[in-house]
PDB file of all heavy atoms in Angstrom:
ATOM      1  N   GLN A   1       9.661  31.599 -45.694  1.00  0.00           N
ATOM      2  CA  GLN A   1      10.920  32.075 -45.145  1.00  0.00           C
ATOM      3  C   GLN A   1      11.403  31.140 -44.050  1.00  0.00           C
ATOM      4  O   GLN A   1      10.605  30.366 -43.444  1.00  0.00           O
ATOM      5  CB  GLN A   1      10.728  33.477 -44.543  1.00  0.00           C
ATOM      6  CG  GLN A   1       9.793  33.519 -43.391  1.00  0.00           C
ATOM      7  CD  GLN A   1       9.912  34.859 -42.626  1.00  0.00           C
ATOM      8  OE1 GLN A   1      10.923  35.510 -42.664  1.00  0.00           O
ATOM      9  NE2 GLN A   1       8.829  35.225 -41.949  1.00  0.00           N
ATOM     10  N   VAL A   2      12.688  31.181 -43.856  1.00  0.00           N
ATOM     11  CA  VAL A   2      13.340  30.388 -42.806  1.00  0.00           C
ATOM     12  C   VAL A   2      14.233  31.341 -42.024  1.00  0.00           C
ATOM     13  O   VAL A   2      14.979  32.158 -42.532  1.00  0.00           O
ATOM     14  CB  VAL A   2      14.195  29.244 -43.392  1.00  0.00           C
ATOM     15  CG1 VAL A   2      14.967  28.529 -42.296  1.00  0.00           C
ATOM     16  CG2 VAL A   2      13.281  28.263 -44.129  1.00  0.00           C
ATOM     17  N   GLN A   3      14.158  31.184 -40.674  1.00  0.00           N
ATOM     18  CA  GLN A   3      15.013  31.967 -39.844  1.00  0.00           C
ATOM     19  C   GLN A   3      15.983  31.061 -39.099  1.00  0.00           C
ATOM     20  O   GLN A   3      15.621  29.958 -38.641  1.00  0.00           O
ATOM     21  CB  GLN A   3      14.205  32.773 -38.784  1.00  0.00           C
ATOM     22  CG  GLN A   3      13.393  33.889 -39.389  1.00  0.00           C
ATOM     23  CD  GLN A   3      12.694  34.715 -38.353  1.00  0.00           C
ATOM     24  OE1 GLN A   3      12.552  34.338 -37.210  1.00  0.00           O
ATOM     25  NE2 GLN A   3      12.257  35.899 -38.754  1.00  0.00           N
ATOM     26  N   LEU A   4      17.231  31.483 -38.937  1.00  0.00           N
ATOM     27  CA  LEU A   4      18.235  30.707 -38.308  1.00  0.00           C
ATOM     28  C   LEU A   4      18.741  31.545 -37.092  1.00  0.00           C
ATOM     29  O   LEU A   4      19.158  32.694 -37.279  1.00  0.00           O
ATOM     30  CB  LEU A   4      19.419  30.372 -39.212  1.00  0.00           C
ATOM     31  CG  LEU A   4      19.046  29.652 -40.495  1.00  0.00           C
ATOM     32  CD1 LEU A   4      20.336  29.432 -41.390  1.00  0.00           C
ATOM     33  CD2 LEU A   4      18.426  28.316 -40.206  1.00  0.00           C
ATOM     34  N   VAL A   5      18.761  30.933 -35.950  1.00  0.00           N
ATOM     35  CA  VAL A   5      19.199  31.567 -34.766  1.00  0.00           C
ATOM     36  C   VAL A   5      20.456  30.839 -34.231  1.00  0.00           C
ATOM     37  O   VAL A   5      20.358  29.704 -33.876  1.00  0.00           O
ATOM     38  CB  VAL A   5      18.131  31.595 -33.649  1.00  0.00           C
ATOM     39  CG1 VAL A   5      18.684  32.313 -32.404  1.00  0.00           C
ATOM     40  CG2 VAL A   5      16.936  32.345 -34.168  1.00  0.00           C
ATOM     41  N   GLU A   6      21.579  31.557 -34.231  1.00  0.00           N
ATOM     42  CA  GLU A   6      22.852  30.969 -33.806  1.00  0.00           C
ATOM     43  C   GLU A   6      23.170  31.400 -32.349  1.00  0.00           C
ATOM     44  O   GLU A   6      22.791  32.473 -31.940  1.00  0.00           O
ATOM     45  CB  GLU A   6      23.970  31.429 -34.761  1.00  0.00           C
ATOM     46  CG  GLU A   6      23.753  31.050 -36.190  1.00  0.00           C
ATOM     47  CD  GLU A   6      24.876  31.585 -37.083  1.00  0.00           C
ATOM     48  OE1 GLU A   6      25.724  32.284 -36.619  1.00  0.00           O
ATOM     49  OE2 GLU A   6      24.790  31.275 -38.304  1.00  0.00           O
ATOM     50  N   SER A   7      23.925  30.548 -31.717  1.00  0.00           N
ATOM     51  CA  SER A   7      24.366  30.832 -30.361  1.00  0.00           C
ATOM     52  C   SER A   7      25.640  30.065 -30.050  1.00  0.00           C
ATOM     53  O   SER A   7      25.992  29.074 -30.747  1.00  0.00           O
ATOM     54  CB  SER A   7      23.302  30.511 -29.342  1.00  0.00           C
ATOM     55  OG  SER A   7      22.981  29.117 -29.345  1.00  0.00           O
ATOM     56  N   GLY A   8      26.349  30.460 -29.026  1.00  0.00           N
ATOM     57  CA  GLY A   8      27.491  29.717 -28.521  1.00  0.00           C
ATOM     58  C   GLY A   8      28.867  30.283 -28.825  1.00  0.00           C
ATOM     59  O   GLY A   8      29.858  29.791 -28.310  1.00  0.00           O
ATOM     60  N   GLY A   9      28.948  31.356 -29.594  1.00  0.00           N
ATOM     61  CA  GLY A   9      30.219  31.972 -29.900  1.00  0.00           C
ATOM     62  C   GLY A   9      30.731  32.729 -28.726  1.00  0.00           C
ATOM     63  O   GLY A   9      30.076  32.934 -27.695  1.00  0.00           O
ATOM     64  N   GLY A  10      32.026  33.122 -28.787  1.00  0.00           N
ATOM     65  CA  GLY A  10      32.636  33.866 -27.732  1.00  0.00           C
ATOM     66  C   GLY A  10      34.156  33.825 -27.766  1.00  0.00           C
ATOM     67  O   GLY A  10      34.705  33.452 -28.769  1.00  0.00           O
ATOM     68  N   LEU A  11      34.738  34.248 -26.666  1.00  0.00           N
ATOM     69  CA  LEU A  11      36.200  34.278 -26.533  1.00  0.00           C
ATOM     70  C   LEU A  11      36.644  33.085 -25.715  1.00  0.00           C
ATOM     71  O   LEU A  11      36.076  32.839 -24.663  1.00  0.00           O
ATOM     72  CB  LEU A  11      36.599  35.609 -25.862  1.00  0.00           C
ATOM     73  CG  LEU A  11      38.090  35.765 -25.495  1.00  0.00           C
ATOM     74  CD1 LEU A  11      38.953  35.802 -26.749  1.00  0.00           C
ATOM     75  CD2 LEU A  11      38.280  37.048 -24.705  1.00  0.00           C
ATOM     76  N   VAL A  12      37.686  32.418 -26.187  1.00  0.00           N
ATOM     77  CA  VAL A  12      38.169  31.245 -25.476  1.00  0.00           C
ATOM     78  C   VAL A  12      39.696  31.196 -25.685  1.00  0.00           C
ATOM     79  O   VAL A  12      40.232  31.650 -26.667  1.00  0.00           O
ATOM     80  CB  VAL A  12      37.538  29.934 -25.994  1.00  0.00           C
ATOM     81  CG1 VAL A  12      37.894  29.707 -27.452  1.00  0.00           C
ATOM     82  CG2 VAL A  12      37.884  28.791 -25.096  1.00  0.00           C
ATOM     83  N   GLN A  13      40.382  30.642 -24.685  1.00  0.00           N
ATOM     84  CA  GLN A  13      41.844  30.507 -24.791  1.00  0.00           C
ATOM     85  C   GLN A  13      42.227  29.321 -25.661  1.00  0.00           C
ATOM     86  O   GLN A  13      41.439  28.401 -25.790  1.00  0.00           O
ATOM     87  CB  GLN A  13      42.423  30.294 -23.374  1.00  0.00           C
ATOM     88  CG  GLN A  13      42.283  31.513 -22.476  1.00  0.00           C
ATOM     89  CD  GLN A  13      42.961  31.303 -21.143  1.00  0.00           C
ATOM     90  OE1 GLN A  13      43.485  30.239 -20.809  1.00  0.00           O
ATOM     91  NE2 GLN A  13      42.939  32.370 -20.291  1.00  0.00           N
ATOM     92  N   PRO A  14      43.411  29.307 -26.238  1.00  0.00           N
ATOM     93  CA  PRO A  14      43.830  28.185 -27.003  1.00  0.00           C
ATOM     94  C   PRO A  14      43.751  26.918 -26.181  1.00  0.00           C
ATOM     95  O   PRO A  14      44.106  26.890 -25.019  1.00  0.00           O
ATOM     96  CB  PRO A  14      45.338  28.513 -27.346  1.00  0.00           C
ATOM     97  CG  PRO A  14      45.337  30.029 -27.363  1.00  0.00           C
ATOM     98  CD  PRO A  14      44.420  30.442 -26.253  1.00  0.00           C
ATOM     99  N   GLY A  15      43.246  25.868 -26.848  1.00  0.00           N
ATOM    100  CA  GLY A  15      43.054  24.561 -26.159  1.00  0.00           C
ATOM    101  C   GLY A  15      41.691  24.442 -25.566  1.00  0.00           C
ATOM    102  O   GLY A  15      41.316  23.375 -25.102  1.00  0.00           O
ATOM    103  N   GLY A  16      40.918  25.507 -25.536  1.00  0.00           N
ATOM    104  CA  GLY A  16      39.600  25.491 -24.958  1.00  0.00           C
ATOM    105  C   GLY A  16      38.548  24.948 -25.930  1.00  0.00           C
ATOM    106  O   GLY A  16      38.866  24.479 -27.010  1.00  0.00           O
ATOM    107  N   SER A  17      37.305  25.041 -25.518  1.00  0.00           N
ATOM    108  CA  SER A  17      36.243  24.499 -26.319  1.00  0.00           C
ATOM    109  C   SER A  17      35.029  25.431 -26.341  1.00  0.00           C
ATOM    110  O   SER A  17      34.825  26.267 -25.413  1.00  0.00           O
ATOM    111  CB  SER A  17      35.821  23.134 -25.779  1.00  0.00           C
ATOM    112  OG  SER A  17      35.267  23.235 -24.494  1.00  0.00           O
ATOM    113  N   LEU A  18      34.251  25.298 -27.361  1.00  0.00           N
ATOM    114  CA  LEU A  18      32.976  26.023 -27.527  1.00  0.00           C
ATOM    115  C   LEU A  18      32.011  25.088 -28.247  1.00  0.00           C
ATOM    116  O   LEU A  18      32.399  24.189 -29.006  1.00  0.00           O
ATOM    117  CB  LEU A  18      33.143  27.299 -28.318  1.00  0.00           C
ATOM    118  CG  LEU A  18      33.849  28.483 -27.666  1.00  0.00           C
ATOM    119  CD1 LEU A  18      34.078  29.567 -28.716  1.00  0.00           C
ATOM    120  CD2 LEU A  18      33.025  29.029 -26.511  1.00  0.00           C
ATOM    121  N   ARG A  19      30.737  25.378 -28.003  1.00  0.00           N
ATOM    122  CA  ARG A  19      29.680  24.568 -28.695  1.00  0.00           C
ATOM    123  C   ARG A  19      28.740  25.566 -29.371  1.00  0.00           C
ATOM    124  O   ARG A  19      28.086  26.348 -28.668  1.00  0.00           O
ATOM    125  CB  ARG A  19      28.934  23.714 -27.742  1.00  0.00           C
ATOM    126  CG  ARG A  19      27.833  22.800 -28.391  1.00  0.00           C
ATOM    127  CD  ARG A  19      27.190  21.891 -27.358  1.00  0.00           C
ATOM    128  NE  ARG A  19      26.050  21.165 -27.863  1.00  0.00           N
ATOM    129  CZ  ARG A  19      26.138  20.003 -28.459  1.00  0.00           C
ATOM    130  NH1 ARG A  19      27.340  19.453 -28.688  1.00  0.00           N
ATOM    131  NH2 ARG A  19      25.037  19.366 -28.893  1.00  0.00           N
ATOM    132  N   LEU A  20      28.679  25.555 -30.660  1.00  0.00           N
ATOM    133  CA  LEU A  20      27.830  26.401 -31.433  1.00  0.00           C
ATOM    134  C   LEU A  20      26.522  25.666 -31.725  1.00  0.00           C
ATOM    135  O   LEU A  20      26.507  24.476 -31.957  1.00  0.00           O
ATOM    136  CB  LEU A  20      28.459  26.820 -32.750  1.00  0.00           C
ATOM    137  CG  LEU A  20      29.830  27.507 -32.666  1.00  0.00           C
ATOM    138  CD1 LEU A  20      30.241  27.914 -34.102  1.00  0.00           C
ATOM    139  CD2 LEU A  20      29.799  28.681 -31.743  1.00  0.00           C
ATOM    140  N   SER A  21      25.401  26.420 -31.745  1.00  0.00           N
ATOM    141  CA  SER A  21      24.146  25.861 -32.065  1.00  0.00           C
ATOM    142  C   SER A  21      23.407  26.758 -33.028  1.00  0.00           C
ATOM    143  O   SER A  21      23.605  27.983 -33.052  1.00  0.00           O
ATOM    144  CB  SER A  21      23.284  25.682 -30.787  1.00  0.00           C
ATOM    145  OG  SER A  21      23.849  24.800 -29.883  1.00  0.00           O
ATOM    146  N   CYS A  22      22.578  26.141 -33.860  1.00  0.00           N
ATOM    147  CA  CYS A  22      21.812  26.873 -34.852  1.00  0.00           C
ATOM    148  C   CYS A  22      20.439  26.194 -34.986  1.00  0.00           C
ATOM    149  O   CYS A  22      20.372  25.018 -35.356  1.00  0.00           O
ATOM    150  CB  CYS A  22      22.532  26.906 -36.197  1.00  0.00           C
ATOM    151  SG  CYS A  22      21.583  27.687 -37.548  1.00  0.00           S
ATOM    152  N   ALA A  23      19.421  26.977 -34.696  1.00  0.00           N
ATOM    153  CA  ALA A  23      18.063  26.443 -34.762  1.00  0.00           C
ATOM    154  C   ALA A  23      17.293  27.047 -35.953  1.00  0.00           C
ATOM    155  O   ALA A  23      17.250  28.303 -36.074  1.00  0.00           O
ATOM    156  CB  ALA A  23      17.303  26.714 -33.469  1.00  0.00           C
ATOM    157  N   ALA A  24      16.687  26.242 -36.745  1.00  0.00           N
ATOM    158  CA  ALA A  24      15.928  26.675 -37.867  1.00  0.00           C
ATOM    159  C   ALA A  24      14.437  26.670 -37.612  1.00  0.00           C
ATOM    160  O   ALA A  24      13.905  25.753 -36.989  1.00  0.00           O
ATOM    161  CB  ALA A  24      16.220  25.762 -39.120  1.00  0.00           C
ATOM    162  N   SER A  25      13.780  27.731 -38.055  1.00  0.00           N
ATOM    163  CA  SER A  25      12.331  27.792 -37.910  1.00  0.00           C
ATOM    164  C   SER A  25      11.738  28.522 -39.100  1.00  0.00           C
ATOM    165  O   SER A  25      12.439  29.191 -39.820  1.00  0.00           O
ATOM    166  CB  SER A  25      11.952  28.493 -36.577  1.00  0.00           C
ATOM    167  OG  SER A  25      12.406  29.872 -36.606  1.00  0.00           O
ATOM    168  N   GLY A  26      10.436  28.334 -39.304  1.00  0.00           N
ATOM    169  CA  GLY A  26       9.776  29.013 -40.374  1.00  0.00           C
ATOM    170  C   GLY A  26       9.070  28.016 -41.276  1.00  0.00           C
ATOM    171  O   GLY A  26       8.579  27.015 -40.830  1.00  0.00           O
ATOM    172  N   SER A  27       9.015  28.385 -42.548  1.00  0.00           N
ATOM    173  CA  SER A  27       8.248  27.589 -43.513  1.00  0.00           C
ATOM    174  C   SER A  27       9.164  26.748 -44.395  1.00  0.00           C
ATOM    175  O   SER A  27       9.935  27.290 -45.197  1.00  0.00           O
ATOM    176  CB  SER A  27       7.399  28.547 -44.373  1.00  0.00           C
ATOM    177  OG  SER A  27       6.671  27.814 -45.334  1.00  0.00           O
ATOM    178  N   PHE A  28       9.086  25.444 -44.213  1.00  0.00           N
ATOM    179  CA  PHE A  28       9.825  24.528 -45.062  1.00  0.00           C
ATOM    180  C   PHE A  28       9.210  23.111 -44.845  1.00  0.00           C
ATOM    181  O   PHE A  28       8.546  22.828 -43.849  1.00  0.00           O
ATOM    182  CB  PHE A  28      11.323  24.490 -44.741  1.00  0.00           C
ATOM    183  CG  PHE A  28      11.652  24.267 -43.345  1.00  0.00           C
ATOM    184  CD1 PHE A  28      11.738  23.023 -42.788  1.00  0.00           C
ATOM    185  CD2 PHE A  28      11.886  25.345 -42.451  1.00  0.00           C
ATOM    186  CE1 PHE A  28      12.066  22.773 -41.471  1.00  0.00           C
ATOM    187  CE2 PHE A  28      12.199  25.127 -41.105  1.00  0.00           C
ATOM    188  CZ  PHE A  28      12.306  23.818 -40.615  1.00  0.00           C
ATOM    189  N   VAL A  29       9.492  22.305 -45.816  1.00  0.00           N
ATOM    190  CA  VAL A  29       8.937  20.896 -45.723  1.00  0.00           C
ATOM    191  C   VAL A  29       9.992  19.970 -45.139  1.00  0.00           C
ATOM    192  O   VAL A  29       9.678  19.219 -44.242  1.00  0.00           O
ATOM    193  CB  VAL A  29       8.530  20.386 -47.144  1.00  0.00           C
ATOM    194  CG1 VAL A  29       8.081  18.964 -47.073  1.00  0.00           C
ATOM    195  CG2 VAL A  29       7.428  21.290 -47.717  1.00  0.00           C
ATOM    196  N   THR A  30      11.179  20.026 -45.701  1.00  0.00           N
ATOM    197  CA  THR A  30      12.263  19.138 -45.235  1.00  0.00           C
ATOM    198  C   THR A  30      13.578  19.893 -45.185  1.00  0.00           C
ATOM    199  O   THR A  30      13.906  20.702 -46.025  1.00  0.00           O
ATOM    200  CB  THR A  30      12.393  17.975 -46.225  1.00  0.00           C
ATOM    201  OG1 THR A  30      11.150  17.299 -46.343  1.00  0.00           O
ATOM    202  CG2 THR A  30      13.438  16.988 -45.762  1.00  0.00           C
ATOM    203  N   ILE A  31      14.348  19.579 -44.164  1.00  0.00           N
ATOM    204  CA  ILE A  31      15.722  20.124 -44.098  1.00  0.00           C
ATOM    205  C   ILE A  31      16.662  19.125 -44.743  1.00  0.00           C
ATOM    206  O   ILE A  31      16.610  17.922 -44.363  1.00  0.00           O
ATOM    207  CB  ILE A  31      16.144  20.396 -42.652  1.00  0.00           C
ATOM    208  CG1 ILE A  31      15.284  21.476 -42.050  1.00  0.00           C
ATOM    209  CG2 ILE A  31      17.626  20.744 -42.588  1.00  0.00           C
ATOM    210  CD1 ILE A  31      15.622  21.826 -40.592  1.00  0.00           C
ATOM    211  N   ASN A  32      17.414  19.561 -45.656  1.00  0.00           N
ATOM    212  CA  ASN A  32      18.341  18.679 -46.355  1.00  0.00           C
ATOM    213  C   ASN A  32      19.672  18.709 -45.580  1.00  0.00           C
ATOM    214  O   ASN A  32      19.813  18.101 -44.521  1.00  0.00           O
ATOM    215  CB  ASN A  32      18.558  19.094 -47.782  1.00  0.00           C
ATOM    216  CG  ASN A  32      17.197  19.071 -48.555  1.00  0.00           C
ATOM    217  OD1 ASN A  32      16.442  18.159 -48.424  1.00  0.00           O
ATOM    218  ND2 ASN A  32      16.971  20.146 -49.347  1.00  0.00           N
ATOM    219  N   THR A  33      20.648  19.438 -46.094  1.00  0.00           N
ATOM    220  CA  THR A  33      21.944  19.536 -45.452  1.00  0.00           C
ATOM    221  C   THR A  33      22.006  20.736 -44.497  1.00  0.00           C
ATOM    222  O   THR A  33      21.479  21.787 -44.794  1.00  0.00           O
ATOM    223  CB  THR A  33      23.051  19.614 -46.501  1.00  0.00           C
ATOM    224  OG1 THR A  33      23.043  18.486 -47.394  1.00  0.00           O
ATOM    225  CG2 THR A  33      24.433  19.714 -45.888  1.00  0.00           C
ATOM    226  N   MET A  34      22.642  20.556 -43.399  1.00  0.00           N
ATOM    227  CA  MET A  34      22.944  21.631 -42.467  1.00  0.00           C
ATOM    228  C   MET A  34      24.442  21.702 -42.246  1.00  0.00           C
ATOM    229  O   MET A  34      25.141  20.673 -42.331  1.00  0.00           O
ATOM    230  CB  MET A  34      22.279  21.398 -41.098  1.00  0.00           C
ATOM    231  CG  MET A  34      20.772  21.056 -41.217  1.00  0.00           C
ATOM    232  SD  MET A  34      19.987  20.797 -39.597  1.00  0.00           S
ATOM    233  CE  MET A  34      19.814  22.503 -39.021  1.00  0.00           C
TER     234      MET A  34
END
């Protein structure tokens, strides 16, 4: 299994910025495309 934990979302005004992150953990050999 693989678990993905996302963070960084929220409310922002037009013209603002946000940074989303996603960390993968669990059982896998190689990560291909993200």
